[in-house]
C-alpha atoms as a PDB file:
ATOM      1  CA  UNK A   1     290.561  27.618-180.366  1.00  0.00           C
ATOM      2  CA  UNK A   2     288.455  30.288-179.105  1.00  0.00           C
ATOM      3  CA  UNK A   3     285.303  28.782-179.520  1.00  0.00           C
ATOM      4  CA  UNK A   4     286.460  25.470-178.166  1.00  0.00           C
ATOM      5  CA  UNK A   5     287.318  27.323-174.568  1.00  0.00           C
ATOM      6  CA  UNK A   6     283.770  29.022-174.775  1.00  0.00           C
ATOM      7  CA  UNK A   7     281.968  25.594-175.432  1.00  0.00           C
ATOM      8  CA  UNK A   8     283.894  24.043-172.515  1.00  0.00           C
ATOM      9  CA  UNK A   9     283.157  26.771-169.714  1.00  0.00           C
ATOM     10  CA  UNK A  10     279.471  26.716-171.007  1.00  0.00           C
ATOM     11  CA  UNK A  11     279.383  22.740-169.962  1.00  0.00           C
ATOM     12  CA  UNK A  12     281.160  23.307-166.755  1.00  0.00           C
ATOM     13  CA  UNK A  13     278.516  26.017-165.819  1.00  0.00           C
ATOM     14  CA  UNK A  14     275.740  23.802-166.854  1.00  0.00           C
ATOM     15  CA  UNK A  15     276.999  20.683-164.701  1.00  0.00           C
ATOM     16  CA  UNK A  16     277.409  22.916-161.396  1.00  0.00           C
ATOM     17  CA  UNK A  17     274.510  22.529-159.118  1.00  0.00           C
ATOM     18  CA  UNK A  18     271.887  25.927-158.350  1.00  0.00           C
ATOM     19  CA  UNK A  19     271.753  26.817-154.989  1.00  0.00           C
ATOM     20  CA  UNK A  20     268.727  28.879-153.438  1.00  0.00           C
ATOM     21  CA  UNK A  21     269.274  32.034-151.511  1.00  0.00           C
ATOM     22  CA  UNK A  22     268.623  32.203-148.041  1.00  0.00           C
ATOM     23  CA  UNK A  23     265.763  34.770-148.391  1.00  0.00           C
ATOM     24  CA  UNK A  24     263.897  32.687-150.828  1.00  0.00           C
ATOM     25  CA  UNK A  25     264.125  29.851-148.442  1.00  0.00           C
ATOM     26  CA  UNK A  26     262.551  31.880-145.492  1.00  0.00           C
ATOM     27  CA  UNK A  27     260.013  33.204-147.722  1.00  0.00           C
ATOM     28  CA  UNK A  28     259.193  29.339-148.650  1.00  0.00           C
ATOM     29  CA  UNK A  29     259.072  28.391-144.875  1.00  0.00           C
ATOM     30  CA  UNK A  30     256.804  31.391-143.901  1.00  0.00           C
ATOM     31  CA  UNK A  31     254.304  30.761-146.962  1.00  0.00           C
ATOM     32  CA  UNK A  32     254.085  27.069-145.895  1.00  0.00           C
ATOM     33  CA  UNK A  33     253.657  27.968-141.957  1.00  0.00           C
ATOM     34  CA  UNK A  34     250.995  30.552-142.999  1.00  0.00           C
ATOM     35  CA  UNK A  35     249.130  27.706-145.021  1.00  0.00           C
ATOM     36  CA  UNK A  36     249.380  25.508-142.253  1.00  0.00           C
ATOM     37  CA  UNK A  37     247.924  28.042-139.981  1.00  0.00           C
ATOM     38  CA  UNK A  38     245.098  28.582-142.276  1.00  0.00           C
ATOM     39  CA  UNK A  39     244.173  25.033-142.828  1.00  0.00           C
ATOM     40  CA  UNK A  40     244.305  24.919-138.706  1.00  0.00           C
ATOM     41  CA  UNK A  41     241.933  27.702-138.686  1.00  0.00           C
ATOM     42  CA  UNK A  42     239.635  26.309-141.212  1.00  0.00           C
ATOM     43  CA  UNK A  43     239.505  23.071-139.327  1.00  0.00           C
ATOM     44  CA  UNK A  44     238.834  24.807-135.804  1.00  0.00           C
ATOM     45  CA  UNK A  45     236.449  26.989-137.659  1.00  0.00           C
ATOM     46  CA  UNK A  46     234.679  23.836-139.189  1.00  0.00           C
ATOM     47  CA  UNK A  47     234.809  22.243-135.837  1.00  0.00           C
ATOM     48  CA  UNK A  48     233.466  25.252-133.813  1.00  0.00           C
ATOM     49  CA  UNK A  49     230.166  25.369-136.560  1.00  0.00           C
ATOM     50  CA  UNK A  50     229.902  21.587-135.725  1.00  0.00           C
ATOM     51  CA  UNK A  51     229.810  22.219-132.230  1.00  0.00           C
ATOM     52  CA  UNK A  52     227.361  25.292-132.512  1.00  0.00           C
ATOM     53  CA  UNK A  53     224.894  23.199-135.120  1.00  0.00           C
ATOM     54  CA  UNK A  54     224.909  20.607-132.350  1.00  0.00           C
ATOM     55  CA  UNK A  55     224.085  22.543-129.779  1.00  0.00           C
ATOM     56  CA  UNK A  56     221.620  24.734-131.839  1.00  0.00           C
ATOM     57  CA  UNK A  57     219.970  21.478-132.435  1.00  0.00           C
ATOM     58  CA  UNK A  58     219.877  20.373-129.064  1.00  0.00           C
ATOM     59  CA  UNK A  59     218.731  23.739-127.979  1.00  0.00           C
ATOM     60  CA  UNK A  60     215.713  23.493-130.448  1.00  0.00           C
ATOM     61  CA  UNK A  61     215.100  20.128-129.787  1.00  0.00           C
ATOM     62  CA  UNK A  62     215.252  20.876-126.019  1.00  0.00           C
ATOM     63  CA  UNK A  63     212.781  24.327-126.975  1.00  0.00           C
ATOM     64  CA  UNK A  64     210.494  21.920-128.785  1.00  0.00           C
ATOM     65  CA  UNK A  65     210.099  19.785-125.954  1.00  0.00           C
ATOM     66  CA  UNK A  66     209.501  22.347-123.507  1.00  0.00           C
ATOM     67  CA  UNK A  67     206.992  24.140-126.197  1.00  0.00           C
ATOM     68  CA  UNK A  68     205.128  20.864-125.893  1.00  0.00           C
ATOM     69  CA  UNK A  69     205.029  20.169-122.336  1.00  0.00           C
ATOM     70  CA  UNK A  70     204.320  23.981-121.884  1.00  0.00           C
ATOM     71  CA  UNK A  71     201.352  23.532-124.558  1.00  0.00           C
ATOM     72  CA  UNK A  72     199.976  20.315-122.600  1.00  0.00           C
ATOM     73  CA  UNK A  73     200.196  22.196-119.347  1.00  0.00           C
ATOM     74  CA  UNK A  74     198.759  25.232-120.677  1.00  0.00           C
ATOM     75  CA  UNK A  75     195.763  22.990-122.245  1.00  0.00           C
ATOM     76  CA  UNK A  76     195.189  21.353-118.871  1.00  0.00           C
ATOM     77  CA  UNK A  77     195.506  24.872-117.334  1.00  0.00           C
ATOM     78  CA  UNK A  78     192.926  26.178-119.730  1.00  0.00           C
ATOM     79  CA  UNK A  79     190.460  23.066-118.963  1.00  0.00           C
ATOM     80  CA  UNK A  80     190.581  22.956-115.462  1.00  0.00           C
ATOM     81  CA  UNK A  81     189.930  26.735-115.450  1.00  0.00           C
ATOM     82  CA  UNK A  82     186.899  26.354-117.799  1.00  0.00           C
ATOM     83  CA  UNK A  83     185.469  23.149-116.263  1.00  0.00           C
ATOM     84  CA  UNK A  84     185.999  24.532-112.783  1.00  0.00           C
ATOM     85  CA  UNK A  85     185.734  28.061-112.732  1.00  0.00           C
ATOM     86  CA  UNK A  86     184.334  29.591-116.403  1.00  0.00           C
ATOM     87  CA  UNK A  87     181.557  26.855-117.302  1.00  0.00           C
ATOM     88  CA  UNK A  88     180.327  26.876-113.376  1.00  0.00           C
ATOM     89  CA  UNK A  89     180.291  31.077-113.260  1.00  0.00           C
ATOM     90  CA  UNK A  90     178.511  31.112-116.663  1.00  0.00           C
ATOM     91  CA  UNK A  91     176.293  28.686-115.383  1.00  0.00           C
ATOM     92  CA  UNK A  92     175.615  30.522-112.461  1.00  0.00           C
ATOM     93  CA  UNK A  93     175.247  33.884-114.668  1.00  0.00           C
ATOM     94  CA  UNK A  94     172.738  32.376-117.206  1.00  0.00           C
ATOM     95  CA  UNK A  95     170.368  31.046-114.297  1.00  0.00           C
ATOM     96  CA  UNK A  96     170.965  34.722-112.422  1.00  0.00           C
ATOM     97  CA  UNK A  97     169.718  36.343-115.738  1.00  0.00           C
ATOM     98  CA  UNK A  98     167.167  34.139-116.130  1.00  0.00           C
ATOM     99  CA  UNK A  99     166.148  34.929-112.550  1.00  0.00           C
ATOM    100  CA  UNK A 100     166.323  38.735-113.311  1.00  0.00           C
ATOM    101  CA  UNK A 101     164.087  38.359-116.455  1.00  0.00           C
ATOM    102  CA  UNK A 102     161.707  36.407-115.223  1.00  0.00           C
ATOM    103  CA  UNK A 103     158.062  38.472-115.251  1.00  0.00           C
ATOM    104  CA  UNK A 104     157.619  38.378-111.217  1.00  0.00           C
ATOM    105  CA  UNK A 105     161.287  39.440-110.946  1.00  0.00           C
ATOM    106  CA  UNK A 106     160.823  42.283-113.409  1.00  0.00           C
ATOM    107  CA  UNK A 107     157.759  43.208-111.135  1.00  0.00           C
ATOM    108  CA  UNK A 108     159.591  43.139-108.271  1.00  0.00           C
ATOM    109  CA  UNK A 109     162.524  45.309-109.463  1.00  0.00           C
ATOM    110  CA  UNK A 110     159.971  47.641-111.150  1.00  0.00           C
ATOM    111  CA  UNK A 111     158.332  47.890-107.569  1.00  0.00           C
ATOM    112  CA  UNK A 112     161.603  48.888-105.763  1.00  0.00           C
ATOM    113  CA  UNK A 113     162.388  51.525-108.438  1.00  0.00           C
ATOM    114  CA  UNK A 114     158.524  52.792-107.874  1.00  0.00           C
ATOM    115  CA  UNK A 115     159.464  52.811-103.803  1.00  0.00           C
ATOM    116  CA  UNK A 116     162.384  54.750-104.413  1.00  0.00           C
ATOM    117  CA  UNK A 117     160.779  57.479-106.681  1.00  0.00           C
ATOM    118  CA  UNK A 118     158.201  57.843-104.144  1.00  0.00           C
ATOM    119  CA  UNK A 119     160.527  57.828-101.256  1.00  0.00           C
ATOM    120  CA  UNK A 120     162.468  60.680-102.704  1.00  0.00           C
ATOM    121  CA  UNK A 121     159.867  62.722-104.407  1.00  0.00           C
ATOM    122  CA  UNK A 122     155.907  63.140-103.197  1.00  0.00           C
ATOM    123  CA  UNK A 123     157.073  61.624 -99.776  1.00  0.00           C
ATOM    124  CA  UNK A 124     159.489  64.204 -98.857  1.00  0.00           C
ATOM    125  CA  UNK A 125     156.546  66.831 -98.374  1.00  0.00           C
ATOM    126  CA  UNK A 126     154.778  64.866 -95.605  1.00  0.00           C
ATOM    127  CA  UNK A 127     158.141  63.250 -93.853  1.00  0.00           C
ATOM    128  CA  UNK A 128     159.089  66.127 -93.032  1.00  0.00           C
ATOM    129  CA  UNK A 129     156.306  66.968 -91.059  1.00  0.00           C
ATOM    130  CA  UNK A 130     157.099  63.789 -88.444  1.00  0.00           C
ATOM    131  CA  UNK A 131     158.740  64.010 -85.331  1.00  0.00           C
ATOM    132  CA  UNK A 132     160.101  60.672 -86.037  1.00  0.00           C
ATOM    133  CA  UNK A 133     160.671  59.546 -89.414  1.00  0.00           C
ATOM    134  CA  UNK A 134     158.405  56.987 -90.864  1.00  0.00           C
ATOM    135  CA  UNK A 135     160.142  56.270 -94.346  1.00  0.00           C
ATOM    136  CA  UNK A 136     162.224  53.415 -93.200  1.00  0.00           C
ATOM    137  CA  UNK A 137     161.359  49.829 -93.839  1.00  0.00           C
ATOM    138  CA  UNK A 138     161.723  47.932 -90.190  1.00  0.00           C
ATOM    139  CA  UNK A 139     162.016  44.196 -90.009  1.00  0.00           C
ATOM    140  CA  UNK A 140     159.861  42.196 -87.499  1.00  0.00           C
ATOM    141  CA  UNK A 141     162.555  40.876 -86.001  1.00  0.00           C
ATOM    142  CA  UNK A 142     164.142  43.964 -84.480  1.00  0.00           C
ATOM    143  CA  UNK A 143     161.234  45.201 -82.563  1.00  0.00           C
ATOM    144  CA  UNK A 144     159.430  43.470 -79.110  1.00  0.00           C
ATOM    145  CA  UNK A 145     156.233  42.032 -79.892  1.00  0.00           C
ATOM    146  CA  UNK A 146     155.007  39.207 -78.113  1.00  0.00           C
ATOM    147  CA  UNK A 147     156.301  35.647 -79.139  1.00  0.00           C
ATOM    148  CA  UNK A 148     152.883  34.060 -79.893  1.00  0.00           C
ATOM    149  CA  UNK A 149     152.385  36.799 -82.719  1.00  0.00           C
ATOM    150  CA  UNK A 150     155.649  37.251 -84.395  1.00  0.00           C
ATOM    151  CA  UNK A 151     154.957  34.334 -86.670  1.00  0.00           C
ATOM    152  CA  UNK A 152     151.603  36.302 -87.740  1.00  0.00           C
ATOM    153  CA  UNK A 153     152.912  39.849 -88.261  1.00  0.00           C
ATOM    154  CA  UNK A 154     154.805  41.065 -91.329  1.00  0.00           C
ATOM    155  CA  UNK A 155     157.812  43.923 -91.380  1.00  0.00           C
ATOM    156  CA  UNK A 156     156.577  47.571 -91.066  1.00  0.00           C
ATOM    157  CA  UNK A 157     156.681  49.322 -94.295  1.00  0.00           C
ATOM    158  CA  UNK A 158     155.535  52.603 -94.943  1.00  0.00           C
ATOM    159  CA  UNK A 159     152.314  53.473 -97.604  1.00  0.00           C
ATOM    160  CA  UNK A 160     153.914  56.149-100.047  1.00  0.00           C
ATOM    161  CA  UNK A 161     151.547  59.453-100.010  1.00  0.00           C
ATOM    162  CA  UNK A 162     150.516  59.142-103.276  1.00  0.00           C
ATOM    163  CA  UNK A 163     149.432  55.382-102.945  1.00  0.00           C
ATOM    164  CA  UNK A 164     147.211  56.356-100.055  1.00  0.00           C
ATOM    165  CA  UNK A 165     145.778  59.068-101.639  1.00  0.00           C
ATOM    166  CA  UNK A 166     144.856  56.932-104.441  1.00  0.00           C
ATOM    167  CA  UNK A 167     143.020  54.317-101.903  1.00  0.00           C
ATOM    168  CA  UNK A 168     140.999  57.139-100.576  1.00  0.00           C
ATOM    169  CA  UNK A 169     139.934  58.109-104.296  1.00  0.00           C
ATOM    170  CA  UNK A 170     138.383  54.809-104.415  1.00  0.00           C
ATOM    171  CA  UNK A 171     136.316  55.169-101.481  1.00  0.00           C
ATOM    172  CA  UNK A 172     133.069  56.534-103.587  1.00  0.00           C
ATOM    173  CA  UNK A 173     131.282  58.532-100.899  1.00  0.00           C
ATOM    174  CA  UNK A 174     132.095  61.291 -98.429  1.00  0.00           C
ATOM    175  CA  UNK A 175     134.057  59.962 -95.113  1.00  0.00           C
ATOM    176  CA  UNK A 176     132.319  63.082 -92.829  1.00  0.00           C
ATOM    177  CA  UNK A 177     130.406  60.383 -90.689  1.00  0.00           C
ATOM    178  CA  UNK A 178     133.376  57.643 -90.970  1.00  0.00           C
ATOM    179  CA  UNK A 179     135.913  56.469 -88.656  1.00  0.00           C
ATOM    180  CA  UNK A 180     138.823  55.314 -89.881  1.00  0.00           C
ATOM    181  CA  UNK A 181     140.899  51.949 -88.572  1.00  0.00           C
ATOM    182  CA  UNK A 182     144.852  51.381 -89.384  1.00  0.00           C
ATOM    183  CA  UNK A 183     145.462  47.981 -88.503  1.00  0.00           C
ATOM    184  CA  UNK A 184     149.289  47.853 -87.898  1.00  0.00           C
ATOM    185  CA  UNK A 185     149.673  51.755 -87.726  1.00  0.00           C
ATOM    186  CA  UNK A 186     153.345  51.595 -87.214  1.00  0.00           C
ATOM    187  CA  UNK A 187     154.766  55.104 -86.865  1.00  0.00           C
ATOM    188  CA  UNK A 188     151.226  56.572 -87.320  1.00  0.00           C
ATOM    189  CA  UNK A 189     152.157  57.723 -91.002  1.00  0.00           C
ATOM    190  CA  UNK A 190     148.931  56.466 -92.298  1.00  0.00           C
ATOM    191  CA  UNK A 191     146.962  57.829 -89.373  1.00  0.00           C
ATOM    192  CA  UNK A 192     148.130  61.105 -89.752  1.00  0.00           C
ATOM    193  CA  UNK A 193     147.756  61.294 -93.680  1.00  0.00           C
ATOM    194  CA  UNK A 194     143.977  60.146 -92.733  1.00  0.00           C
ATOM    195  CA  UNK A 195     143.836  63.213 -90.313  1.00  0.00           C
ATOM    196  CA  UNK A 196     143.739  65.446 -93.988  1.00  0.00           C
ATOM    197  CA  UNK A 197     140.427  63.720 -94.215  1.00  0.00           C
ATOM    198  CA  UNK A 198     137.355  64.819 -92.596  1.00  0.00           C
ATOM    199  CA  UNK A 199     136.878  61.650 -90.310  1.00  0.00           C
ATOM    200  CA  UNK A 200     135.032  61.681 -87.479  1.00  0.00           C
ATOM    201  CA  UNK A 201     137.350  59.627 -85.545  1.00  0.00           C
ATOM    202  CA  UNK A 202     140.817  57.853 -86.506  1.00  0.00           C
ATOM    203  CA  UNK A 203     142.352  55.183 -84.219  1.00  0.00           C
ATOM    204  CA  UNK A 204     145.028  52.650 -84.938  1.00  0.00           C
ATOM    205  CA  UNK A 205     146.261  49.393 -83.318  1.00  0.00           C
ATOM    206  CA  UNK A 206     150.238  48.842 -82.992  1.00  0.00           C
ATOM    207  CA  UNK A 207     151.623  45.932 -81.019  1.00  0.00           C
ATOM    208  CA  UNK A 208     155.517  46.776 -81.364  1.00  0.00           C
ATOM    209  CA  UNK A 209     156.478  48.708 -78.321  1.00  0.00           C
ATOM    210  CA  UNK A 210     159.158  50.847 -80.308  1.00  0.00           C
ATOM    211  CA  UNK A 211     156.823  51.604 -82.986  1.00  0.00           C
ATOM    212  CA  UNK A 212     153.707  52.511 -80.915  1.00  0.00           C
ATOM    213  CA  UNK A 213     156.060  54.899 -78.625  1.00  0.00           C
ATOM    214  CA  UNK A 214     157.091  56.531 -82.254  1.00  0.00           C
ATOM    215  CA  UNK A 215     153.440  57.099 -83.172  1.00  0.00           C
ATOM    216  CA  UNK A 216     152.531  58.639 -80.294  1.00  0.00           C
ATOM    217  CA  UNK A 217     155.227  61.087 -80.644  1.00  0.00           C
ATOM    218  CA  UNK A 218     154.192  62.134 -84.215  1.00  0.00           C
ATOM    219  CA  UNK A 219     150.659  61.940 -83.015  1.00  0.00           C
ATOM    220  CA  UNK A 220     151.428  64.765 -80.670  1.00  0.00           C
ATOM    221  CA  UNK A 221     153.856  67.250 -82.607  1.00  0.00           C
ATOM    222  CA  UNK A 222     151.940  66.671 -86.072  1.00  0.00           C
ATOM    223  CA  UNK A 223     150.740  70.061 -87.310  1.00  0.00           C
ATOM    224  CA  UNK A 224     146.846  70.564 -85.919  1.00  0.00           C
ATOM    225  CA  UNK A 225     146.372  73.144 -88.487  1.00  0.00           C
ATOM    226  CA  UNK A 226     146.771  70.468 -91.134  1.00  0.00           C
ATOM    227  CA  UNK A 227     144.550  68.069 -89.791  1.00  0.00           C
ATOM    228  CA  UNK A 228     140.796  68.062 -90.830  1.00  0.00           C
ATOM    229  CA  UNK A 229     139.923  65.240 -87.972  1.00  0.00           C
ATOM    230  CA  UNK A 230     141.806  65.975 -84.706  1.00  0.00           C
ATOM    231  CA  UNK A 231     140.641  62.967 -83.007  1.00  0.00           C
ATOM    232  CA  UNK A 232     143.358  60.619 -83.478  1.00  0.00           C
ATOM    233  CA  UNK A 233     145.137  57.896 -81.331  1.00  0.00           C
ATOM    234  CA  UNK A 234     146.695  54.605 -81.267  1.00  0.00           C
ATOM    235  CA  UNK A 235     146.377  51.734 -79.010  1.00  0.00           C
ATOM    236  CA  UNK A 236     149.237  49.467 -77.994  1.00  0.00           C
ATOM    237  CA  UNK A 237     147.369  45.808 -78.874  1.00  0.00           C
ATOM    238  CA  UNK A 238     146.813  43.376 -81.259  1.00  0.00           C
ATOM    239  CA  UNK A 239     144.370  43.834 -84.099  1.00  0.00           C
ATOM    240  CA  UNK A 240     142.141  40.829 -82.520  1.00  0.00           C
ATOM    241  CA  UNK A 241     141.615  42.897 -79.509  1.00  0.00           C
ATOM    242  CA  UNK A 242     140.915  46.338 -81.215  1.00  0.00           C
ATOM    243  CA  UNK A 243     137.425  47.281 -81.124  1.00  0.00           C
ATOM    244  CA  UNK A 244     135.376  48.125 -84.389  1.00  0.00           C
ATOM    245  CA  UNK A 245     133.523  51.474 -84.167  1.00  0.00           C
ATOM    246  CA  UNK A 246     129.918  51.614 -83.536  1.00  0.00           C
ATOM    247  CA  UNK A 247     129.533  53.672 -86.660  1.00  0.00           C
ATOM    248  CA  UNK A 248     130.559  53.593 -90.286  1.00  0.00           C
ATOM    249  CA  UNK A 249     134.325  52.702 -90.852  1.00  0.00           C
ATOM    250  CA  UNK A 250     136.988  52.383 -93.170  1.00  0.00           C
ATOM    251  CA  UNK A 251     139.492  49.956 -92.341  1.00  0.00           C
ATOM    252  CA  UNK A 252     143.115  50.118 -93.814  1.00  0.00           C
ATOM    253  CA  UNK A 253     145.283  47.172 -93.955  1.00  0.00           C
ATOM    254  CA  UNK A 254     148.722  47.310 -95.449  1.00  0.00           C
ATOM    255  CA  UNK A 255     149.370  43.510 -95.659  1.00  0.00           C
ATOM    256  CA  UNK A 256     150.167  43.678 -91.944  1.00  0.00           C
ATOM    257  CA  UNK A 257     149.335  39.677 -91.111  1.00  0.00           C
ATOM    258  CA  UNK A 258     149.723  36.247 -92.665  1.00  0.00           C
ATOM    259  CA  UNK A 259     146.657  34.619 -93.982  1.00  0.00           C
ATOM    260  CA  UNK A 260     145.641  33.136 -91.144  1.00  0.00           C
ATOM    261  CA  UNK A 261     145.692  36.327 -88.829  1.00  0.00           C
ATOM    262  CA  UNK A 262     143.954  38.085 -91.545  1.00  0.00           C
ATOM    263  CA  UNK A 263     141.551  35.586 -91.795  1.00  0.00           C
ATOM    264  CA  UNK A 264     140.570  35.918 -88.156  1.00  0.00           C
ATOM    265  CA  UNK A 265     140.540  40.001 -88.737  1.00  0.00           C
ATOM    266  CA  UNK A 266     138.105  39.751 -91.627  1.00  0.00           C
ATOM    267  CA  UNK A 267     136.079  37.398 -89.383  1.00  0.00           C
ATOM    268  CA  UNK A 268     135.942  39.791 -86.434  1.00  0.00           C
ATOM    269  CA  UNK A 269     134.706  42.717 -88.815  1.00  0.00           C
ATOM    270  CA  UNK A 270     132.228  40.419 -90.203  1.00  0.00           C
ATOM    271  CA  UNK A 271     130.929  39.635 -86.624  1.00  0.00           C
ATOM    272  CA  UNK A 272     130.974  43.608 -85.630  1.00  0.00           C
ATOM    273  CA  UNK A 273     128.878  44.199 -89.117  1.00  0.00           C
ATOM    274  CA  UNK A 274     126.285  41.321 -88.294  1.00  0.00           C
ATOM    275  CA  UNK A 275     125.602  42.488 -84.842  1.00  0.00           C
ATOM    276  CA  UNK A 276     125.104  45.789 -86.121  1.00  0.00           C
ATOM    277  CA  UNK A 277     124.912  46.098 -89.987  1.00  0.00           C
ATOM    278  CA  UNK A 278     126.293  49.517 -91.035  1.00  0.00           C
ATOM    279  CA  UNK A 279     128.604  50.538 -94.202  1.00  0.00           C
ATOM    280  CA  UNK A 280     132.224  48.990 -93.901  1.00  0.00           C
ATOM    281  CA  UNK A 281     135.014  49.758 -96.669  1.00  0.00           C
ATOM    282  CA  UNK A 282     138.146  47.804 -96.184  1.00  0.00           C
ATOM    283  CA  UNK A 283     141.085  49.119 -98.145  1.00  0.00           C
ATOM    284  CA  UNK A 284     143.619  46.440 -98.499  1.00  0.00           C
ATOM    285  CA  UNK A 285     147.095  47.215 -99.814  1.00  0.00           C
ATOM    286  CA  UNK A 286     149.470  44.627-101.488  1.00  0.00           C
ATOM    287  CA  UNK A 287     146.708  42.047-100.186  1.00  0.00           C
ATOM    288  CA  UNK A 288     145.366  39.450-102.948  1.00  0.00           C
ATOM    289  CA  UNK A 289     142.829  37.559-100.854  1.00  0.00           C
ATOM    290  CA  UNK A 290     139.676  38.438-102.854  1.00  0.00           C
ATOM    291  CA  UNK A 291     138.029  35.318-102.008  1.00  0.00           C
ATOM    292  CA  UNK A 292     138.515  35.696 -98.484  1.00  0.00           C
ATOM    293  CA  UNK A 293     136.420  38.908 -98.206  1.00  0.00           C
ATOM    294  CA  UNK A 294     133.573  37.767-101.063  1.00  0.00           C
ATOM    295  CA  UNK A 295     133.641  34.546 -99.049  1.00  0.00           C
ATOM    296  CA  UNK A 296     131.955  36.316 -95.769  1.00  0.00           C
ATOM    297  CA  UNK A 297     128.910  37.060 -97.814  1.00  0.00           C
ATOM    298  CA  UNK A 298     128.788  40.934 -97.067  1.00  0.00           C
ATOM    299  CA  UNK A 299     131.763  42.481 -98.905  1.00  0.00           C
ATOM    300  CA  UNK A 300     132.168  42.836-102.609  1.00  0.00           C
ATOM    301  CA  UNK A 301     135.218  44.591-104.457  1.00  0.00           C
ATOM    302  CA  UNK A 302     134.497  48.312-105.604  1.00  0.00           C
ATOM    303  CA  UNK A 303     135.089  48.629-109.504  1.00  0.00           C
ATOM    304  CA  UNK A 304     137.988  50.999-110.091  1.00  0.00           C
ATOM    305  CA  UNK A 305     137.818  52.997-113.467  1.00  0.00           C
ATOM    306  CA  UNK A 306     139.779  51.505-116.077  1.00  0.00           C
ATOM    307  CA  UNK A 307     141.637  54.984-116.050  1.00  0.00           C
ATOM    308  CA  UNK A 308     142.508  54.777-112.451  1.00  0.00           C
ATOM    309  CA  UNK A 309     143.773  51.038-113.074  1.00  0.00           C
ATOM    310  CA  UNK A 310     146.342  52.117-115.467  1.00  0.00           C
ATOM    311  CA  UNK A 311     147.471  54.885-113.280  1.00  0.00           C
ATOM    312  CA  UNK A 312     147.907  52.452-110.534  1.00  0.00           C
ATOM    313  CA  UNK A 313     149.508  49.571-112.734  1.00  0.00           C
ATOM    314  CA  UNK A 314     151.908  52.000-113.735  1.00  0.00           C
ATOM    315  CA  UNK A 315     152.795  54.379-110.954  1.00  0.00           C
ATOM    316  CA  UNK A 316     151.750  52.721-107.835  1.00  0.00           C
ATOM    317  CA  UNK A 317     154.509  50.237-106.334  1.00  0.00           C
ATOM    318  CA  UNK A 318     151.498  48.476-104.400  1.00  0.00           C
ATOM    319  CA  UNK A 319     148.043  47.069-105.615  1.00  0.00           C
ATOM    320  CA  UNK A 320     145.166  48.493-104.272  1.00  0.00           C
ATOM    321  CA  UNK A 321     141.708  46.899-103.578  1.00  0.00           C
ATOM    322  CA  UNK A 322     138.863  48.371-101.930  1.00  0.00           C
ATOM    323  CA  UNK A 323     135.972  46.255-100.537  1.00  0.00           C
ATOM    324  CA  UNK A 324     132.430  47.780 -99.550  1.00  0.00           C
ATOM    325  CA  UNK A 325     130.066  46.142 -97.351  1.00  0.00           C
ATOM    326  CA  UNK A 326     126.541  45.217 -98.806  1.00  0.00           C
ATOM    327  CA  UNK A 327     124.595  48.118 -96.651  1.00  0.00           C
END
């Protein structure tokens, strides 16, 4: 009887429905809410990543397009710079370099260096003796000369002291009985350097009024103790009007005229020689007109020893040629 009651209770218990507790139900709700939030977060992250990827791809594409445009513009700018600026300047530099390396340009530059060396070195000893400085190059355009003679003249340029000394060494005999004539005397530098030699008379011709006045000032104040010839003068006239001395003479020309005027002066000297034959020397500084003298029939060039020629080629900024009459 007791077993029958126990079985009946067990069957009743199994037939009753199971009811969850409120806490467990709440926990389940929270879990499901958390799962939904996690799913939403994942979806939002996926959407954000997709948008970011799309933005990145768009930015990359835009950057690539900008780089392509920038590269094209840079290439155009480089091409324009190369064709309009760089290549012309390179060609200009090449032409300048070829001109500078041309033998004539190298010789001209070397002469300029030699002139500067003479000016800063040996010429200083004689330059400080002048009242008016004579070392400055003076263009023909800044001095007053007759208009008809302006085209036939050249700029004033001083003769370096050593160049004059080397030129005088080419006169192979004493100058005691000689006169000295300087065509284009300028400020008198050559006249006063010639006074250190025992000439009988020294004279010059200068057509520019300013240079003639400076020449007179330099002659007047030059130390007489240094002069072996004190008969030094200068005339304000052209070379064609200057009378040749009746005695033996040394004529000095530092390239003062163009060829036409030089030919006239040489013809005038030749006529004076034919009227009264006597020994003439003509010193030509930087004048390459050998035929002009030899065609006269009375002048021939004085041979300069090879050692002297080497010295002139190495240290003289101007060429030196000396012509002697046949008598």
